[in-house]
Amino acid sequence: MSEYQNIAEFLQDHEDEIVVIALKKYYDLCNRPNKIDNSDMVIEPDQEILDAIALVLKDFMAPSEYLKWKTSIATKEEQE
């Protein structure tokens, strides 16, 4: 069996997990304010993008995992 076939089988077996991990990282990246170069202006996170990512995550995650993730996000935001 070639290395490519092993990778393809791994991806097929763990595709949902890979999507969830990638989307959680992207959510964290998008959930930060961005400072505009050479100024004091800040671009706030785009709530529509965050909501869209959360909606896709809801489809890919078990309800208990999704609730746990949303709770952890809310806790982080309260601490900031």
PDB file of N, CA and C in Angstrom:
ATOM      1  N   MET A   1       0.854  -1.176   0.000  1.00  0.00           N
ATOM      2  CA  MET A   1       0.000   0.000   0.000  1.00  0.00           C
ATOM      3  C   MET A   1       0.897   1.235   0.000  1.00  0.00           C
ATOM      4  N   SER A   2       0.607   2.166  -0.865  1.00  0.00           N
ATOM      5  CA  SER A   2       1.436   3.365  -0.961  1.00  0.00           C
ATOM      6  C   SER A   2       1.127   4.336   0.174  1.00  0.00           C
ATOM      7  N   GLU A   3       2.047   5.262   0.343  1.00  0.00           N
ATOM      8  CA  GLU A   3       1.865   6.276   1.394  1.00  0.00           C
ATOM      9  C   GLU A   3       0.633   7.132   1.108  1.00  0.00           C
ATOM     10  N   TYR A   4       0.391   7.411  -0.171  1.00  0.00           N
ATOM     11  CA  TYR A   4      -0.777   8.199  -0.550  1.00  0.00           C
ATOM     12  C   TYR A   4      -2.074   7.516  -0.133  1.00  0.00           C
ATOM     13  N   GLN A   5      -2.149   6.206  -0.324  1.00  0.00           N
ATOM     14  CA  GLN A   5      -3.354   5.472   0.062  1.00  0.00           C
ATOM     15  C   GLN A   5      -3.553   5.524   1.574  1.00  0.00           C
ATOM     16  N   ASN A   6      -2.465   5.440   2.331  1.00  0.00           N
ATOM     17  CA  ASN A   6      -2.560   5.533   3.789  1.00  0.00           C
ATOM     18  C   ASN A   6      -3.098   6.894   4.210  1.00  0.00           C
ATOM     19  N   ILE A   7      -2.588   7.939   3.573  1.00  0.00           N
ATOM     20  CA  ILE A   7      -3.047   9.294   3.894  1.00  0.00           C
ATOM     21  C   ILE A   7      -4.508   9.462   3.497  1.00  0.00           C
ATOM     22  N   ALA A   8      -4.876   8.953   2.327  1.00  0.00           N
ATOM     23  CA  ALA A   8      -6.265   9.060   1.864  1.00  0.00           C
ATOM     24  C   ALA A   8      -7.206   8.334   2.825  1.00  0.00           C
ATOM     25  N   GLU A   9      -6.812   7.157   3.291  1.00  0.00           N
ATOM     26  CA  GLU A   9      -7.642   6.418   4.247  1.00  0.00           C
ATOM     27  C   GLU A   9      -7.746   7.168   5.570  1.00  0.00           C
ATOM     28  N   PHE A  10      -6.622   7.740   6.019  1.00  0.00           N
ATOM     29  CA  PHE A  10      -6.636   8.508   7.261  1.00  0.00           C
ATOM     30  C   PHE A  10      -7.583   9.695   7.139  1.00  0.00           C
ATOM     31  N   LEU A  11      -7.476  10.415   6.039  1.00  0.00           N
ATOM     32  CA  LEU A  11      -8.343  11.579   5.832  1.00  0.00           C
ATOM     33  C   LEU A  11      -9.811  11.178   5.785  1.00  0.00           C
ATOM     34  N   GLN A  12     -10.081  10.073   5.123  1.00  0.00           N
ATOM     35  CA  GLN A  12     -11.471   9.619   5.030  1.00  0.00           C
ATOM     36  C   GLN A  12     -11.998   9.251   6.418  1.00  0.00           C
ATOM     37  N   ASP A  13     -11.174   8.602   7.225  1.00  0.00           N
ATOM     38  CA  ASP A  13     -11.593   8.181   8.558  1.00  0.00           C
ATOM     39  C   ASP A  13     -11.750   9.362   9.518  1.00  0.00           C
ATOM     40  N   HIS A  14     -10.962  10.403   9.315  1.00  0.00           N
ATOM     41  CA  HIS A  14     -10.920  11.502  10.282  1.00  0.00           C
ATOM     42  C   HIS A  14     -11.309  12.854   9.682  1.00  0.00           C
ATOM     43  N   GLU A  15     -12.008  12.831   8.581  1.00  0.00           N
ATOM     44  CA  GLU A  15     -12.360  14.056   7.872  1.00  0.00           C
ATOM     45  C   GLU A  15     -13.131  15.043   8.751  1.00  0.00           C
ATOM     46  N   ASP A  16     -14.144  14.577   9.474  1.00  0.00           N
ATOM     47  CA  ASP A  16     -14.931  15.466  10.324  1.00  0.00           C
ATOM     48  C   ASP A  16     -14.081  16.088  11.419  1.00  0.00           C
ATOM     49  N   GLU A  17     -13.191  15.296  12.013  1.00  0.00           N
ATOM     50  CA  GLU A  17     -12.325  15.824  13.062  1.00  0.00           C
ATOM     51  C   GLU A  17     -11.400  16.910  12.522  1.00  0.00           C
ATOM     52  N   ILE A  18     -10.879  16.695  11.314  1.00  0.00           N
ATOM     53  CA  ILE A  18      -9.990  17.669  10.699  1.00  0.00           C
ATOM     54  C   ILE A  18     -10.745  18.964  10.416  1.00  0.00           C
ATOM     55  N   VAL A  19     -11.960  18.859   9.930  1.00  0.00           N
ATOM     56  CA  VAL A  19     -12.779  20.041   9.655  1.00  0.00           C
ATOM     57  C   VAL A  19     -13.049  20.803  10.947  1.00  0.00           C
ATOM     58  N   VAL A  20     -13.410  20.105  12.001  1.00  0.00           N
ATOM     59  CA  VAL A  20     -13.720  20.748  13.281  1.00  0.00           C
ATOM     60  C   VAL A  20     -12.492  21.472  13.830  1.00  0.00           C
ATOM     61  N   ILE A  21     -11.357  20.820  13.814  1.00  0.00           N
ATOM     62  CA  ILE A  21     -10.133  21.445  14.328  1.00  0.00           C
ATOM     63  C   ILE A  21      -9.778  22.685  13.524  1.00  0.00           C
ATOM     64  N   ALA A  22      -9.841  22.574  12.200  1.00  0.00           N
ATOM     65  CA  ALA A  22      -9.505  23.710  11.339  1.00  0.00           C
ATOM     66  C   ALA A  22     -10.478  24.868  11.550  1.00  0.00           C
ATOM     67  N   LEU A  23     -11.765  24.580  11.658  1.00  0.00           N
ATOM     68  CA  LEU A  23     -12.751  25.648  11.849  1.00  0.00           C
ATOM     69  C   LEU A  23     -12.619  26.310  13.221  1.00  0.00           C
ATOM     70  N   LYS A  24     -12.305  25.534  14.244  1.00  0.00           N
ATOM     71  CA  LYS A  24     -12.096  26.124  15.576  1.00  0.00           C
ATOM     72  C   LYS A  24     -10.907  27.080  15.549  1.00  0.00           C
ATOM     73  N   LYS A  25      -9.834  26.689  14.878  1.00  0.00           N
ATOM     74  CA  LYS A  25      -8.660  27.564  14.761  1.00  0.00           C
ATOM     75  C   LYS A  25      -9.011  28.827  13.973  1.00  0.00           C
ATOM     76  N   TYR A  26      -9.765  28.662  12.896  1.00  0.00           N
ATOM     77  CA  TYR A  26     -10.161  29.811  12.083  1.00  0.00           C
ATOM     78  C   TYR A  26     -11.087  30.741  12.878  1.00  0.00           C
ATOM     79  N   TYR A  27     -11.989  30.167  13.676  1.00  0.00           N
ATOM     80  CA  TYR A  27     -12.868  30.966  14.520  1.00  0.00           C
ATOM     81  C   TYR A  27     -12.032  31.813  15.478  1.00  0.00           C
ATOM     82  N   ASP A  28     -11.041  31.189  16.130  1.00  0.00           N
ATOM     83  CA  ASP A  28     -10.176  31.925  17.057  1.00  0.00           C
ATOM     84  C   ASP A  28      -9.422  33.039  16.341  1.00  0.00           C
ATOM     85  N   LEU A  29      -8.955  32.762  15.137  1.00  0.00           N
ATOM     86  CA  LEU A  29      -8.241  33.767  14.354  1.00  0.00           C
ATOM     87  C   LEU A  29      -9.146  34.943  14.004  1.00  0.00           C
ATOM     88  N   CYS A  30     -10.368  34.645  13.600  1.00  0.00           N
ATOM     89  CA  CYS A  30     -11.317  35.698  13.195  1.00  0.00           C
ATOM     90  C   CYS A  30     -11.920  36.437  14.382  1.00  0.00           C
ATOM     91  N   ASN A  31     -11.794  35.895  15.569  1.00  0.00           N
ATOM     92  CA  ASN A  31     -12.439  36.474  16.746  1.00  0.00           C
ATOM     93  C   ASN A  31     -11.529  37.459  17.486  1.00  0.00           C
ATOM     94  N   ARG A  32     -10.505  37.932  16.811  1.00  0.00           N
ATOM     95  CA  ARG A  32      -9.598  38.914  17.415  1.00  0.00           C
ATOM     96  C   ARG A  32      -9.726  40.235  16.676  1.00  0.00           C
ATOM     97  N   PRO A  33      -9.694  41.323  17.427  1.00  0.00           N
ATOM     98  CA  PRO A  33      -9.660  42.619  16.741  1.00  0.00           C
ATOM     99  C   PRO A  33      -8.320  42.795  16.030  1.00  0.00           C
ATOM    100  N   ASN A  34      -8.325  43.442  14.897  1.00  0.00           N
ATOM    101  CA  ASN A  34      -7.101  43.681  14.126  1.00  0.00           C
ATOM    102  C   ASN A  34      -6.767  45.158  14.133  1.00  0.00           C
ATOM    103  N   LYS A  35      -5.553  45.468  14.523  1.00  0.00           N
ATOM    104  CA  LYS A  35      -5.111  46.855  14.516  1.00  0.00           C
ATOM    105  C   LYS A  35      -4.649  47.209  13.111  1.00  0.00           C
ATOM    106  N   ILE A  36      -5.070  48.364  12.641  1.00  0.00           N
ATOM    107  CA  ILE A  36      -4.667  48.836  11.326  1.00  0.00           C
ATOM    108  C   ILE A  36      -3.259  49.408  11.450  1.00  0.00           C
ATOM    109  N   ASP A  37      -2.384  49.022  10.517  1.00  0.00           N
ATOM    110  CA  ASP A  37      -0.986  49.467  10.555  1.00  0.00           C
ATOM    111  C   ASP A  37      -0.867  50.978  10.689  1.00  0.00           C
ATOM    112  N   ASN A  38       0.079  51.392  11.508  1.00  0.00           N
ATOM    113  CA  ASN A  38       0.437  52.806  11.684  1.00  0.00           C
ATOM    114  C   ASN A  38      -0.728  53.687  12.119  1.00  0.00           C
ATOM    115  N   SER A  39      -1.649  53.139  12.879  1.00  0.00           N
ATOM    116  CA  SER A  39      -2.743  53.955  13.399  1.00  0.00           C
ATOM    117  C   SER A  39      -3.253  53.329  14.697  1.00  0.00           C
ATOM    118  N   ASP A  40      -4.143  54.040  15.342  1.00  0.00           N
ATOM    119  CA  ASP A  40      -4.769  53.524  16.560  1.00  0.00           C
ATOM    120  C   ASP A  40      -6.116  52.882  16.269  1.00  0.00           C
ATOM    121  N   MET A  41      -6.505  52.834  14.999  1.00  0.00           N
ATOM    122  CA  MET A  41      -7.797  52.267  14.629  1.00  0.00           C
ATOM    123  C   MET A  41      -7.761  50.746  14.716  1.00  0.00           C
ATOM    124  N   VAL A  42      -8.891  50.160  15.117  1.00  0.00           N
ATOM    125  CA  VAL A  42      -8.999  48.714  15.253  1.00  0.00           C
ATOM    126  C   VAL A  42     -10.233  48.241  14.496  1.00  0.00           C
ATOM    127  N   ILE A  43     -10.069  47.136  13.771  1.00  0.00           N
ATOM    128  CA  ILE A  43     -11.200  46.517  13.086  1.00  0.00           C
ATOM    129  C   ILE A  43     -11.717  45.413  13.997  1.00  0.00           C
ATOM    130  N   GLU A  44     -12.954  45.520  14.409  1.00  0.00           N
ATOM    131  CA  GLU A  44     -13.564  44.518  15.288  1.00  0.00           C
ATOM    132  C   GLU A  44     -13.852  43.238  14.507  1.00  0.00           C
ATOM    133  N   PRO A  45     -13.936  42.106  15.189  1.00  0.00           N
ATOM    134  CA  PRO A  45     -14.254  40.846  14.503  1.00  0.00           C
ATOM    135  C   PRO A  45     -15.598  40.929  13.775  1.00  0.00           C
ATOM    136  N   ASP A  46     -15.681  40.247  12.643  1.00  0.00           N
ATOM    137  CA  ASP A  46     -16.897  40.216  11.834  1.00  0.00           C
ATOM    138  C   ASP A  46     -17.837  39.144  12.401  1.00  0.00           C
ATOM    139  N   GLN A  47     -18.910  39.587  13.047  1.00  0.00           N
ATOM    140  CA  GLN A  47     -19.824  38.660  13.715  1.00  0.00           C
ATOM    141  C   GLN A  47     -20.524  37.715  12.742  1.00  0.00           C
ATOM    142  N   GLU A  48     -20.773  38.168  11.519  1.00  0.00           N
ATOM    143  CA  GLU A  48     -21.421  37.301  10.529  1.00  0.00           C
ATOM    144  C   GLU A  48     -20.528  36.115  10.173  1.00  0.00           C
ATOM    145  N   ILE A  49     -19.230  36.354  10.032  1.00  0.00           N
ATOM    146  CA  ILE A  49     -18.301  35.250   9.744  1.00  0.00           C
ATOM    147  C   ILE A  49     -18.238  34.305  10.931  1.00  0.00           C
ATOM    148  N   LEU A  50     -18.157  34.853  12.134  1.00  0.00           N
ATOM    149  CA  LEU A  50     -18.112  34.023  13.336  1.00  0.00           C
ATOM    150  C   LEU A  50     -19.369  33.166  13.461  1.00  0.00           C
ATOM    151  N   ASP A  51     -20.521  33.761  13.180  1.00  0.00           N
ATOM    152  CA  ASP A  51     -21.781  33.015  13.244  1.00  0.00           C
ATOM    153  C   ASP A  51     -21.819  31.901  12.187  1.00  0.00           C
ATOM    154  N   ALA A  52     -21.290  32.186  10.992  1.00  0.00           N
ATOM    155  CA  ALA A  52     -21.273  31.187   9.925  1.00  0.00           C
ATOM    156  C   ALA A  52     -20.367  30.011  10.302  1.00  0.00           C
ATOM    157  N   ILE A  53     -19.205  30.315  10.864  1.00  0.00           N
ATOM    158  CA  ILE A  53     -18.291  29.249  11.296  1.00  0.00           C
ATOM    159  C   ILE A  53     -18.955  28.411  12.385  1.00  0.00           C
ATOM    160  N   ALA A  54     -19.591  29.083  13.349  1.00  0.00           N
ATOM    161  CA  ALA A  54     -20.265  28.370  14.439  1.00  0.00           C
ATOM    162  C   ALA A  54     -21.383  27.471  13.897  1.00  0.00           C
ATOM    163  N   LEU A  55     -22.095  27.934  12.886  1.00  0.00           N
ATOM    164  CA  LEU A  55     -23.174  27.136  12.298  1.00  0.00           C
ATOM    165  C   LEU A  55     -22.637  25.863  11.641  1.00  0.00           C
ATOM    166  N   VAL A  56     -21.528  25.995  10.932  1.00  0.00           N
ATOM    167  CA  VAL A  56     -20.925  24.815  10.305  1.00  0.00           C
ATOM    168  C   VAL A  56     -20.401  23.863  11.380  1.00  0.00           C
ATOM    169  N   LEU A  57     -19.767  24.424  12.414  1.00  0.00           N
ATOM    170  CA  LEU A  57     -19.284  23.579  13.508  1.00  0.00           C
ATOM    171  C   LEU A  57     -20.429  22.823  14.175  1.00  0.00           C
ATOM    172  N   LYS A  58     -21.560  23.462  14.294  1.00  0.00           N
ATOM    173  CA  LYS A  58     -22.721  22.810  14.905  1.00  0.00           C
ATOM    174  C   LYS A  58     -23.131  21.571  14.114  1.00  0.00           C
ATOM    175  N   ASP A  59     -22.988  21.637  12.785  1.00  0.00           N
ATOM    176  CA  ASP A  59     -23.326  20.486  11.939  1.00  0.00           C
ATOM    177  C   ASP A  59     -22.312  19.353  12.064  1.00  0.00           C
ATOM    178  N   PHE A  60     -21.053  19.695  12.319  1.00  0.00           N
ATOM    179  CA  PHE A  60     -19.997  18.689  12.350  1.00  0.00           C
ATOM    180  C   PHE A  60     -19.734  18.117  13.736  1.00  0.00           C
ATOM    181  N   MET A  61     -20.207  18.784  14.793  1.00  0.00           N
ATOM    182  CA  MET A  61     -19.903  18.351  16.158  1.00  0.00           C
ATOM    183  C   MET A  61     -21.123  17.703  16.804  1.00  0.00           C
ATOM    184  N   ALA A  62     -20.846  16.839  17.751  1.00  0.00           N
ATOM    185  CA  ALA A  62     -21.926  16.284  18.576  1.00  0.00           C
ATOM    186  C   ALA A  62     -22.505  17.430  19.406  1.00  0.00           C
ATOM    187  N   PRO A  63     -23.808  17.403  19.691  1.00  0.00           N
ATOM    188  CA  PRO A  63     -24.421  18.503  20.440  1.00  0.00           C
ATOM    189  C   PRO A  63     -23.714  18.811  21.766  1.00  0.00           C
ATOM    190  N   SER A  64     -23.307  17.797  22.499  1.00  0.00           N
ATOM    191  CA  SER A  64     -22.631  18.047  23.781  1.00  0.00           C
ATOM    192  C   SER A  64     -21.276  18.714  23.579  1.00  0.00           C
ATOM    193  N   GLU A  65     -20.541  18.312  22.538  1.00  0.00           N
ATOM    194  CA  GLU A  65     -19.251  18.925  22.240  1.00  0.00           C
ATOM    195  C   GLU A  65     -19.422  20.371  21.797  1.00  0.00           C
ATOM    196  N   TYR A  66     -20.454  20.615  20.977  1.00  0.00           N
ATOM    197  CA  TYR A  66     -20.719  21.971  20.499  1.00  0.00           C
ATOM    198  C   TYR A  66     -21.061  22.889  21.665  1.00  0.00           C
ATOM    199  N   LEU A  67     -21.912  22.426  22.554  1.00  0.00           N
ATOM    200  CA  LEU A  67     -22.292  23.229  23.713  1.00  0.00           C
ATOM    201  C   LEU A  67     -21.075  23.530  24.590  1.00  0.00           C
ATOM    202  N   LYS A  68     -20.238  22.541  24.784  1.00  0.00           N
ATOM    203  CA  LYS A  68     -19.017  22.729  25.572  1.00  0.00           C
ATOM    204  C   LYS A  68     -18.109  23.765  24.910  1.00  0.00           C
ATOM    205  N   TRP A  69     -17.962  23.693  23.588  1.00  0.00           N
ATOM    206  CA  TRP A  69     -17.138  24.643  22.858  1.00  0.00           C
ATOM    207  C   TRP A  69     -17.713  26.060  22.967  1.00  0.00           C
ATOM    208  N   LYS A  70     -19.029  26.200  22.756  1.00  0.00           N
ATOM    209  CA  LYS A  70     -19.664  27.527  22.844  1.00  0.00           C
ATOM    210  C   LYS A  70     -19.514  28.105  24.250  1.00  0.00           C
ATOM    211  N   THR A  71     -19.634  27.270  25.265  1.00  0.00           N
ATOM    212  CA  THR A  71     -19.465  27.721  26.643  1.00  0.00           C
ATOM    213  C   THR A  71     -18.036  28.204  26.865  1.00  0.00           C
ATOM    214  N   SER A  72     -17.063  27.479  26.335  1.00  0.00           N
ATOM    215  CA  SER A  72     -15.667  27.897  26.506  1.00  0.00           C
ATOM    216  C   SER A  72     -15.391  29.207  25.778  1.00  0.00           C
ATOM    217  N   ILE A  73     -16.008  29.417  24.617  1.00  0.00           N
ATOM    218  CA  ILE A  73     -15.854  30.675  23.878  1.00  0.00           C
ATOM    219  C   ILE A  73     -16.449  31.822  24.697  1.00  0.00           C
ATOM    220  N   ALA A  74     -17.633  31.622  25.246  1.00  0.00           N
ATOM    221  CA  ALA A  74     -18.283  32.660  26.041  1.00  0.00           C
ATOM    222  C   ALA A  74     -17.456  32.989  27.290  1.00  0.00           C
ATOM    223  N   THR A  75     -16.876  31.985  27.895  1.00  0.00           N
ATOM    224  CA  THR A  75     -16.048  32.199  29.084  1.00  0.00           C
ATOM    225  C   THR A  75     -14.814  33.016  28.730  1.00  0.00           C
ATOM    226  N   LYS A  76     -14.168  32.707  27.600  1.00  0.00           N
ATOM    227  CA  LYS A  76     -13.001  33.465  27.154  1.00  0.00           C
ATOM    228  C   LYS A  76     -13.354  34.927  26.919  1.00  0.00           C
ATOM    229  N   GLU A  77     -14.503  35.147  26.268  1.00  0.00           N
ATOM    230  CA  GLU A  77     -14.910  36.521  25.953  1.00  0.00           C
ATOM    231  C   GLU A  77     -15.233  37.304  27.213  1.00  0.00           C
ATOM    232  N   GLU A  78     -15.794  36.648  28.221  1.00  0.00           N
ATOM    233  CA  GLU A  78     -16.084  37.335  29.477  1.00  0.00           C
ATOM    234  C   GLU A  78     -14.808  37.730  30.205  1.00  0.00           C
ATOM    235  N   GLN A  79     -13.769  36.910  30.102  1.00  0.00           N
ATOM    236  CA  GLN A  79     -12.528  37.178  30.791  1.00  0.00           C
ATOM    237  C   GLN A  79     -11.752  38.317  30.147  1.00  0.00           C
ATOM    238  N   GLU A  80     -11.994  38.563  28.881  1.00  0.00           N
ATOM    239  CA  GLU A  80     -11.273  39.632  28.178  1.00  0.00           C
ATOM    240  C   GLU A  80     -11.887  40.930  28.424  1.00  0.00           C
TER     241      GLU A  80
END
